[in-house]
PDB file of N, CA and C in Angstrom:
ATOM      1  N   MET A   1      25.747  43.762-139.118  1.00  0.00           N
ATOM      2  CA  MET A   1      26.660  43.108-140.028  1.00  0.00           C
ATOM      3  C   MET A   1      25.977  42.757-141.346  1.00  0.00           C
ATOM      4  N   ASN A   2      24.644  42.774-141.401  1.00  0.00           N
ATOM      5  CA  ASN A   2      23.955  42.427-142.632  1.00  0.00           C
ATOM      6  C   ASN A   2      23.613  43.650-143.475  1.00  0.00           C
ATOM      7  N   LYS A   3      24.264  44.785-143.229  1.00  0.00           N
ATOM      8  CA  LYS A   3      24.049  45.984-144.028  1.00  0.00           C
ATOM      9  C   LYS A   3      25.381  46.470-144.544  1.00  0.00           C
ATOM     10  N   LEU A   4      25.383  46.949-145.770  1.00  0.00           N
ATOM     11  CA  LEU A   4      26.588  47.513-146.344  1.00  0.00           C
ATOM     12  C   LEU A   4      26.600  49.004-146.075  1.00  0.00           C
ATOM     13  N   GLU A   5      27.692  49.480-145.544  1.00  0.00           N
ATOM     14  CA  GLU A   5      27.804  50.893-145.198  1.00  0.00           C
ATOM     15  C   GLU A   5      28.334  51.676-146.394  1.00  0.00           C
ATOM     16  N   VAL A   6      27.593  52.630-146.840  1.00  0.00           N
ATOM     17  CA  VAL A   6      28.016  53.556-147.879  1.00  0.00           C
ATOM     18  C   VAL A   6      27.695  54.945-147.389  1.00  0.00           C
ATOM     19  N   THR A   7      28.138  55.933-148.125  1.00  0.00           N
ATOM     20  CA  THR A   7      27.779  57.278-147.721  1.00  0.00           C
ATOM     21  C   THR A   7      26.285  57.438-147.884  1.00  0.00           C
ATOM     22  N   GLY A   8      25.655  58.002-146.927  1.00  0.00           N
ATOM     23  CA  GLY A   8      24.202  58.117-146.948  1.00  0.00           C
ATOM     24  C   GLY A   8      23.601  56.939-146.215  1.00  0.00           C
ATOM     25  N   PRO A   9      22.365  56.585-146.538  1.00  0.00           N
ATOM     26  CA  PRO A   9      21.704  55.484-145.831  1.00  0.00           C
ATOM     27  C   PRO A   9      22.346  54.145-146.192  1.00  0.00           C
ATOM     28  N   SER A  10      22.330  53.221-145.232  1.00  0.00           N
ATOM     29  CA  SER A  10      22.899  51.902-145.486  1.00  0.00           C
ATOM     30  C   SER A  10      21.960  51.089-146.367  1.00  0.00           C
ATOM     31  N   VAL A  11      22.544  50.193-147.143  1.00  0.00           N
ATOM     32  CA  VAL A  11      21.795  49.365-148.083  1.00  0.00           C
ATOM     33  C   VAL A  11      21.702  47.959-147.502  1.00  0.00           C
ATOM     34  N   PRO A  12      20.494  47.396-147.361  1.00  0.00           N
ATOM     35  CA  PRO A  12      20.377  46.028-146.830  1.00  0.00           C
ATOM     36  C   PRO A  12      21.080  45.024-147.733  1.00  0.00           C
ATOM     37  N   PHE A  13      21.724  44.054-147.113  1.00  0.00           N
ATOM     38  CA  PHE A  13      22.481  43.048-147.847  1.00  0.00           C
ATOM     39  C   PHE A  13      21.592  42.263-148.803  1.00  0.00           C
ATOM     40  N   VAL A  14      20.386  41.945-148.385  1.00  0.00           N
ATOM     41  CA  VAL A  14      19.463  41.176-149.231  1.00  0.00           C
ATOM     42  C   VAL A  14      19.139  41.948-150.515  1.00  0.00           C
ATOM     43  N   ARG A  15      19.004  43.250-150.385  1.00  0.00           N
ATOM     44  CA  ARG A  15      18.718  44.068-151.567  1.00  0.00           C
ATOM     45  C   ARG A  15      19.900  44.063-152.537  1.00  0.00           C
ATOM     46  N   VAL A  16      21.112  44.126-152.007  1.00  0.00           N
ATOM     47  CA  VAL A  16      22.293  44.084-152.864  1.00  0.00           C
ATOM     48  C   VAL A  16      22.380  42.738-153.582  1.00  0.00           C
ATOM     49  N   VAL A  17      22.081  41.670-152.859  1.00  0.00           N
ATOM     50  CA  VAL A  17      22.108  40.333-153.471  1.00  0.00           C
ATOM     51  C   VAL A  17      21.076  40.248-154.595  1.00  0.00           C
ATOM     52  N   MET A  18      19.883  40.782-154.381  1.00  0.00           N
ATOM     53  CA  MET A  18      18.856  40.743-155.427  1.00  0.00           C
ATOM     54  C   MET A  18      19.221  41.635-156.609  1.00  0.00           C
ATOM     55  N   VAL A  19      19.882  42.755-156.339  1.00  0.00           N
ATOM     56  CA  VAL A  19      20.332  43.629-157.428  1.00  0.00           C
ATOM     57  C   VAL A  19      21.367  42.908-158.280  1.00  0.00           C
ATOM     58  N   VAL A  20      22.122  42.016-157.680  1.00  0.00           N
ATOM     59  CA  VAL A  20      23.122  41.248-158.426  1.00  0.00           C
ATOM     60  C   VAL A  20      22.471  40.068-159.149  1.00  0.00           C
ATOM     61  N   LEU A  21      21.641  39.302-158.452  1.00  0.00           N
ATOM     62  CA  LEU A  21      21.135  38.046-159.012  1.00  0.00           C
ATOM     63  C   LEU A  21      20.015  38.210-160.041  1.00  0.00           C
ATOM     64  N   TRP A  22      19.162  39.208-159.882  1.00  0.00           N
ATOM     65  CA  TRP A  22      18.033  39.344-160.803  1.00  0.00           C
ATOM     66  C   TRP A  22      18.475  39.682-162.230  1.00  0.00           C
ATOM     67  N   PRO A  23      19.326  40.694-162.460  1.00  0.00           N
ATOM     68  CA  PRO A  23      19.776  40.932-163.834  1.00  0.00           C
ATOM     69  C   PRO A  23      20.583  39.758-164.393  1.00  0.00           C
ATOM     70  N   ALA A  24      21.342  39.085-163.516  1.00  0.00           N
ATOM     71  CA  ALA A  24      22.093  37.920-163.973  1.00  0.00           C
ATOM     72  C   ALA A  24      21.156  36.797-164.410  1.00  0.00           C
ATOM     73  N   PHE A  25      20.057  36.611-163.689  1.00  0.00           N
ATOM     74  CA  PHE A  25      19.057  35.605-164.052  1.00  0.00           C
ATOM     75  C   PHE A  25      18.435  35.925-165.408  1.00  0.00           C
ATOM     76  N   LEU A  26      18.071  37.187-165.609  1.00  0.00           N
ATOM     77  CA  LEU A  26      17.461  37.576-166.884  1.00  0.00           C
ATOM     78  C   LEU A  26      18.433  37.379-168.048  1.00  0.00           C
ATOM     79  N   MET A  27      19.696  37.733-167.848  1.00  0.00           N
ATOM     80  CA  MET A  27      20.673  37.553-168.913  1.00  0.00           C
ATOM     81  C   MET A  27      20.974  36.074-169.158  1.00  0.00           C
ATOM     82  N   ALA A  28      20.907  35.247-168.127  1.00  0.00           N
ATOM     83  CA  ALA A  28      21.089  33.812-168.316  1.00  0.00           C
ATOM     84  C   ALA A  28      19.953  33.243-169.162  1.00  0.00           C
ATOM     85  N   CYS A  29      18.732  33.726-168.930  1.00  0.00           N
ATOM     86  CA  CYS A  29      17.592  33.288-169.746  1.00  0.00           C
ATOM     87  C   CYS A  29      17.794  33.658-171.208  1.00  0.00           C
ATOM     88  N   VAL A  30      18.175  34.887-171.450  1.00  0.00           N
ATOM     89  CA  VAL A  30      18.386  35.351-172.825  1.00  0.00           C
ATOM     90  C   VAL A  30      19.561  34.612-173.458  1.00  0.00           C
ATOM     91  N   SER A  31      20.651  34.461-172.726  1.00  0.00           N
ATOM     92  CA  SER A  31      21.836  33.786-173.261  1.00  0.00           C
ATOM     93  C   SER A  31      21.544  32.339-173.620  1.00  0.00           C
ATOM     94  N   CYS A  32      20.824  31.640-172.761  1.00  0.00           N
ATOM     95  CA  CYS A  32      20.467  30.250-173.074  1.00  0.00           C
ATOM     96  C   CYS A  32      19.580  30.179-174.298  1.00  0.00           C
ATOM     97  N   GLY A  33      18.632  31.090-174.381  1.00  0.00           N
ATOM     98  CA  GLY A  33      17.760  31.101-175.554  1.00  0.00           C
ATOM     99  C   GLY A  33      18.524  31.314-176.843  1.00  0.00           C
ATOM    100  N   VAL A  34      19.476  32.229-176.829  1.00  0.00           N
ATOM    101  CA  VAL A  34      20.249  32.527-178.033  1.00  0.00           C
ATOM    102  C   VAL A  34      21.229  31.404-178.350  1.00  0.00           C
ATOM    103  N   ILE A  35      22.007  30.985-177.364  1.00  0.00           N
ATOM    104  CA  ILE A  35      23.039  29.972-177.611  1.00  0.00           C
ATOM    105  C   ILE A  35      22.429  28.643-178.021  1.00  0.00           C
ATOM    106  N   PHE A  36      21.406  28.190-177.305  1.00  0.00           N
ATOM    107  CA  PHE A  36      20.865  26.871-177.594  1.00  0.00           C
ATOM    108  C   PHE A  36      19.895  26.878-178.772  1.00  0.00           C
ATOM    109  N   SER A  37      19.563  28.036-179.296  1.00  0.00           N
ATOM    110  CA  SER A  37      18.845  28.051-180.569  1.00  0.00           C
ATOM    111  C   SER A  37      19.825  27.924-181.726  1.00  0.00           C
ATOM    112  N   LEU A  38      21.096  28.210-181.481  1.00  0.00           N
ATOM    113  CA  LEU A  38      22.124  28.100-182.514  1.00  0.00           C
ATOM    114  C   LEU A  38      22.925  26.804-182.426  1.00  0.00           C
ATOM    115  N   VAL A  39      23.027  26.213-181.234  1.00  0.00           N
ATOM    116  CA  VAL A  39      23.863  25.036-181.010  1.00  0.00           C
ATOM    117  C   VAL A  39      22.999  23.893-180.492  1.00  0.00           C
ATOM    118  N   ASP A  40      23.162  22.725-181.092  1.00  0.00           N
ATOM    119  CA  ASP A  40      22.452  21.542-180.621  1.00  0.00           C
ATOM    120  C   ASP A  40      23.240  20.902-179.483  1.00  0.00           C
ATOM    121  N   PRO A  41      22.634  20.742-178.315  1.00  0.00           N
ATOM    122  CA  PRO A  41      23.377  20.193-177.173  1.00  0.00           C
ATOM    123  C   PRO A  41      23.901  18.779-177.397  1.00  0.00           C
ATOM    124  N   GLU A  42      23.251  18.006-178.248  1.00  0.00           N
ATOM    125  CA  GLU A  42      23.692  16.631-178.472  1.00  0.00           C
ATOM    126  C   GLU A  42      24.920  16.550-179.365  1.00  0.00           C
ATOM    127  N   GLU A  43      25.291  17.649-180.016  1.00  0.00           N
ATOM    128  CA  GLU A  43      26.467  17.656-180.879  1.00  0.00           C
ATOM    129  C   GLU A  43      27.667  18.321-180.210  1.00  0.00           C
ATOM    130  N   MET A  44      27.605  18.540-178.906  1.00  0.00           N
ATOM    131  CA  MET A  44      28.701  19.201-178.196  1.00  0.00           C
ATOM    132  C   MET A  44      29.885  18.248-178.061  1.00  0.00           C
ATOM    133  N   VAL A  45      31.072  18.769-178.349  1.00  0.00           N
ATOM    134  CA  VAL A  45      32.309  18.012-178.240  1.00  0.00           C
ATOM    135  C   VAL A  45      33.283  18.848-177.421  1.00  0.00           C
ATOM    136  N   LEU A  46      33.905  18.225-176.432  1.00  0.00           N
ATOM    137  CA  LEU A  46      34.869  18.905-175.583  1.00  0.00           C
ATOM    138  C   LEU A  46      36.188  18.154-175.649  1.00  0.00           C
ATOM    139  N   LEU A  47      37.222  18.780-176.188  1.00  0.00           N
ATOM    140  CA  LEU A  47      38.555  18.183-176.314  1.00  0.00           C
ATOM    141  C   LEU A  47      38.502  16.838-177.040  1.00  0.00           C
ATOM    142  N   ASP A  48      37.853  16.815-178.178  1.00  0.00           N
ATOM    143  CA  ASP A  48      37.720  15.629-179.035  1.00  0.00           C
ATOM    144  C   ASP A  48      36.977  14.465-178.393  1.00  0.00           C
ATOM    145  N   HIS A  49      36.208  14.730-177.346  1.00  0.00           N
ATOM    146  CA  HIS A  49      35.403  13.694-176.717  1.00  0.00           C
ATOM    147  C   HIS A  49      33.942  14.125-176.748  1.00  0.00           C
ATOM    148  N   HIS A  50      33.092  13.210-177.186  1.00  0.00           N
ATOM    149  CA  HIS A  50      31.657  13.487-177.176  1.00  0.00           C
ATOM    150  C   HIS A  50      31.170  13.449-175.734  1.00  0.00           C
ATOM    151  N   ILE A  51      30.456  14.468-175.340  1.00  0.00           N
ATOM    152  CA  ILE A  51      29.975  14.572-173.967  1.00  0.00           C
ATOM    153  C   ILE A  51      28.648  13.830-173.851  1.00  0.00           C
ATOM    154  N   HIS A  52      28.580  12.883-172.942  1.00  0.00           N
ATOM    155  CA  HIS A  52      27.366  12.094-172.751  1.00  0.00           C
ATOM    156  C   HIS A  52      26.526  12.719-171.646  1.00  0.00           C
ATOM    157  N   LEU A  53      25.646  13.607-172.047  1.00  0.00           N
ATOM    158  CA  LEU A  53      24.761  14.298-171.121  1.00  0.00           C
ATOM    159  C   LEU A  53      23.460  14.563-171.870  1.00  0.00           C
ATOM    160  N   SER A  54      22.355  14.458-171.181  1.00  0.00           N
ATOM    161  CA  SER A  54      21.065  14.668-171.838  1.00  0.00           C
ATOM    162  C   SER A  54      20.910  16.137-172.237  1.00  0.00           C
ATOM    163  N   SER A  55      19.953  16.391-173.101  1.00  0.00           N
ATOM    164  CA  SER A  55      19.697  17.771-173.534  1.00  0.00           C
ATOM    165  C   SER A  55      19.310  18.644-172.350  1.00  0.00           C
ATOM    166  N   ILE A  56      18.468  18.126-171.469  1.00  0.00           N
ATOM    167  CA  ILE A  56      18.061  18.887-170.291  1.00  0.00           C
ATOM    168  C   ILE A  56      19.271  19.177-169.407  1.00  0.00           C
ATOM    169  N   GLY A  57      20.182  18.226-169.299  1.00  0.00           N
ATOM    170  CA  GLY A  57      21.406  18.436-168.531  1.00  0.00           C
ATOM    171  C   GLY A  57      22.248  19.558-169.112  1.00  0.00           C
ATOM    172  N   PHE A  58      22.358  19.585-170.452  1.00  0.00           N
ATOM    173  CA  PHE A  58      23.099  20.668-171.100  1.00  0.00           C
ATOM    174  C   PHE A  58      22.426  22.017-170.872  1.00  0.00           C
ATOM    175  N   TYR A  59      21.108  22.047-171.015  1.00  0.00           N
ATOM    176  CA  TYR A  59      20.392  23.305-170.807  1.00  0.00           C
ATOM    177  C   TYR A  59      20.572  23.799-169.369  1.00  0.00           C
ATOM    178  N   THR A  60      20.488  22.878-168.421  1.00  0.00           N
ATOM    179  CA  THR A  60      20.652  23.255-167.018  1.00  0.00           C
ATOM    180  C   THR A  60      22.065  23.739-166.738  1.00  0.00           C
ATOM    181  N   LEU A  61      23.051  22.993-167.196  1.00  0.00           N
ATOM    182  CA  LEU A  61      24.438  23.378-166.992  1.00  0.00           C
ATOM    183  C   LEU A  61      24.747  24.716-167.669  1.00  0.00           C
ATOM    184  N   GLY A  62      24.251  24.888-168.887  1.00  0.00           N
ATOM    185  CA  GLY A  62      24.457  26.157-169.598  1.00  0.00           C
ATOM    186  C   GLY A  62      23.814  27.319-168.875  1.00  0.00           C
ATOM    187  N   PHE A  63      22.593  27.121-168.394  1.00  0.00           N
ATOM    188  CA  PHE A  63      21.911  28.178-167.660  1.00  0.00           C
ATOM    189  C   PHE A  63      22.683  28.557-166.408  1.00  0.00           C
ATOM    190  N   LEU A  64      23.148  27.565-165.649  1.00  0.00           N
ATOM    191  CA  LEU A  64      23.880  27.855-164.424  1.00  0.00           C
ATOM    192  C   LEU A  64      25.210  28.557-164.707  1.00  0.00           C
ATOM    193  N   VAL A  65      25.886  28.165-165.781  1.00  0.00           N
ATOM    194  CA  VAL A  65      27.141  28.833-166.146  1.00  0.00           C
ATOM    195  C   VAL A  65      26.877  30.281-166.541  1.00  0.00           C
ATOM    196  N   PHE A  66      25.849  30.509-167.357  1.00  0.00           N
ATOM    197  CA  PHE A  66      25.518  31.876-167.758  1.00  0.00           C
ATOM    198  C   PHE A  66      25.073  32.709-166.555  1.00  0.00           C
ATOM    199  N   TRP A  67      24.354  32.095-165.626  1.00  0.00           N
ATOM    200  CA  TRP A  67      23.920  32.814-164.428  1.00  0.00           C
ATOM    201  C   TRP A  67      25.124  33.173-163.561  1.00  0.00           C
ATOM    202  N   LEU A  68      26.074  32.245-163.461  1.00  0.00           N
ATOM    203  CA  LEU A  68      27.289  32.518-162.707  1.00  0.00           C
ATOM    204  C   LEU A  68      28.077  33.668-163.340  1.00  0.00           C
ATOM    205  N   LEU A  69      28.237  33.645-164.651  1.00  0.00           N
ATOM    206  CA  LEU A  69      28.970  34.724-165.327  1.00  0.00           C
ATOM    207  C   LEU A  69      28.261  36.068-165.160  1.00  0.00           C
ATOM    208  N   GLY A  70      26.948  36.072-165.281  1.00  0.00           N
ATOM    209  CA  GLY A  70      26.198  37.307-165.070  1.00  0.00           C
ATOM    210  C   GLY A  70      26.285  37.792-163.642  1.00  0.00           C
ATOM    211  N   SER A  71      26.299  36.877-162.688  1.00  0.00           N
ATOM    212  CA  SER A  71      26.423  37.256-161.277  1.00  0.00           C
ATOM    213  C   SER A  71      27.790  37.865-160.984  1.00  0.00           C
ATOM    214  N   VAL A  72      28.821  37.314-161.586  1.00  0.00           N
ATOM    215  CA  VAL A  72      30.160  37.872-161.398  1.00  0.00           C
ATOM    216  C   VAL A  72      30.225  39.279-161.975  1.00  0.00           C
ATOM    217  N   ALA A  73      29.672  39.469-163.168  1.00  0.00           N
ATOM    218  CA  ALA A  73      29.685  40.794-163.781  1.00  0.00           C
ATOM    219  C   ALA A  73      28.880  41.802-162.966  1.00  0.00           C
ATOM    220  N   SER A  74      27.718  41.404-162.487  1.00  0.00           N
ATOM    221  CA  SER A  74      26.900  42.298-161.667  1.00  0.00           C
ATOM    222  C   SER A  74      27.562  42.590-160.325  1.00  0.00           C
ATOM    223  N   SER A  75      28.221  41.590-159.757  1.00  0.00           N
ATOM    224  CA  SER A  75      28.919  41.794-158.482  1.00  0.00           C
ATOM    225  C   SER A  75      30.053  42.795-158.628  1.00  0.00           C
ATOM    226  N   ILE A  76      30.777  42.697-159.719  1.00  0.00           N
ATOM    227  CA  ILE A  76      31.859  43.651-159.960  1.00  0.00           C
ATOM    228  C   ILE A  76      31.291  45.057-160.126  1.00  0.00           C
ATOM    229  N   THR A  77      30.166  45.170-160.805  1.00  0.00           N
ATOM    230  CA  THR A  77      29.536  46.476-160.973  1.00  0.00           C
ATOM    231  C   THR A  77      29.119  47.061-159.630  1.00  0.00           C
ATOM    232  N   VAL A  78      28.491  46.254-158.781  1.00  0.00           N
ATOM    233  CA  VAL A  78      28.074  46.740-157.459  1.00  0.00           C
ATOM    234  C   VAL A  78      29.292  47.092-156.622  1.00  0.00           C
ATOM    235  N   LEU A  79      30.321  46.270-156.680  1.00  0.00           N
ATOM    236  CA  LEU A  79      31.535  46.552-155.926  1.00  0.00           C
ATOM    237  C   LEU A  79      32.160  47.872-156.363  1.00  0.00           C
ATOM    238  N   LEU A  80      32.243  48.107-157.657  1.00  0.00           N
ATOM    239  CA  LEU A  80      32.806  49.356-158.153  1.00  0.00           C
ATOM    240  C   LEU A  80      31.924  50.534-157.776  1.00  0.00           C
ATOM    241  N   MET A  81      30.619  50.335-157.803  1.00  0.00           N
ATOM    242  CA  MET A  81      29.715  51.415-157.436  1.00  0.00           C
ATOM    243  C   MET A  81      29.879  51.789-155.958  1.00  0.00           C
ATOM    244  N   LEU A  82      29.968  50.785-155.085  1.00  0.00           N
ATOM    245  CA  LEU A  82      30.094  51.051-153.660  1.00  0.00           C
ATOM    246  C   LEU A  82      31.459  51.633-153.309  1.00  0.00           C
ATOM    247  N   THR A  83      32.533  51.137-153.919  1.00  0.00           N
ATOM    248  CA  THR A  83      33.851  51.691-153.629  1.00  0.00           C
ATOM    249  C   THR A  83      33.987  53.069-154.230  1.00  0.00           C
ATOM    250  N   GLY A  84      33.303  53.333-155.336  1.00  0.00           N
ATOM    251  CA  GLY A  84      33.333  54.670-155.922  1.00  0.00           C
ATOM    252  C   GLY A  84      32.660  55.693-155.022  1.00  0.00           C
ATOM    253  N   ARG A  85      31.580  55.287-154.363  1.00  0.00           N
ATOM    254  CA  ARG A  85      30.881  56.200-153.439  1.00  0.00           C
ATOM    255  C   ARG A  85      31.732  56.518-152.225  1.00  0.00           C
ATOM    256  N   THR A  86      32.395  55.501-151.676  1.00  0.00           N
ATOM    257  CA  THR A  86      33.193  55.742-150.484  1.00  0.00           C
ATOM    258  C   THR A  86      34.472  56.505-150.824  1.00  0.00           C
ATOM    259  N   ALA A  87      35.013  56.310-152.020  1.00  0.00           N
ATOM    260  CA  ALA A  87      36.213  57.016-152.417  1.00  0.00           C
ATOM    261  C   ALA A  87      35.919  58.469-152.758  1.00  0.00           C
ATOM    262  N   ALA A  88      34.679  58.773-153.171  1.00  0.00           N
ATOM    263  CA  ALA A  88      34.315  60.135-153.551  1.00  0.00           C
ATOM    264  C   ALA A  88      34.179  61.053-152.362  1.00  0.00           C
ATOM    265  N   THR A  89      34.012  60.494-151.180  1.00  0.00           N
ATOM    266  CA  THR A  89      33.831  61.343-149.997  1.00  0.00           C
ATOM    267  C   THR A  89      35.144  61.686-149.351  1.00  0.00           C
TER     268      THR A  89
END
């Protein structure tokens, strides 16, 4: 149950998870670097309310959001790749 069945050899689930999470982690690092070099976390306003959160809290929350978005994008790519292989046979 911990292997994904595709045409050809099966792919270990842990490897698929790492294929999804590692590129998402790298893109979260780059995204945080770019976004937070342009935006000051202490000046963030959400719906006309000043958000009371420390700079480290903003950096952490931003990193986790970017990592989540990258993981979703990578997961969709892996899903399309695996369904494309099974549909091609």
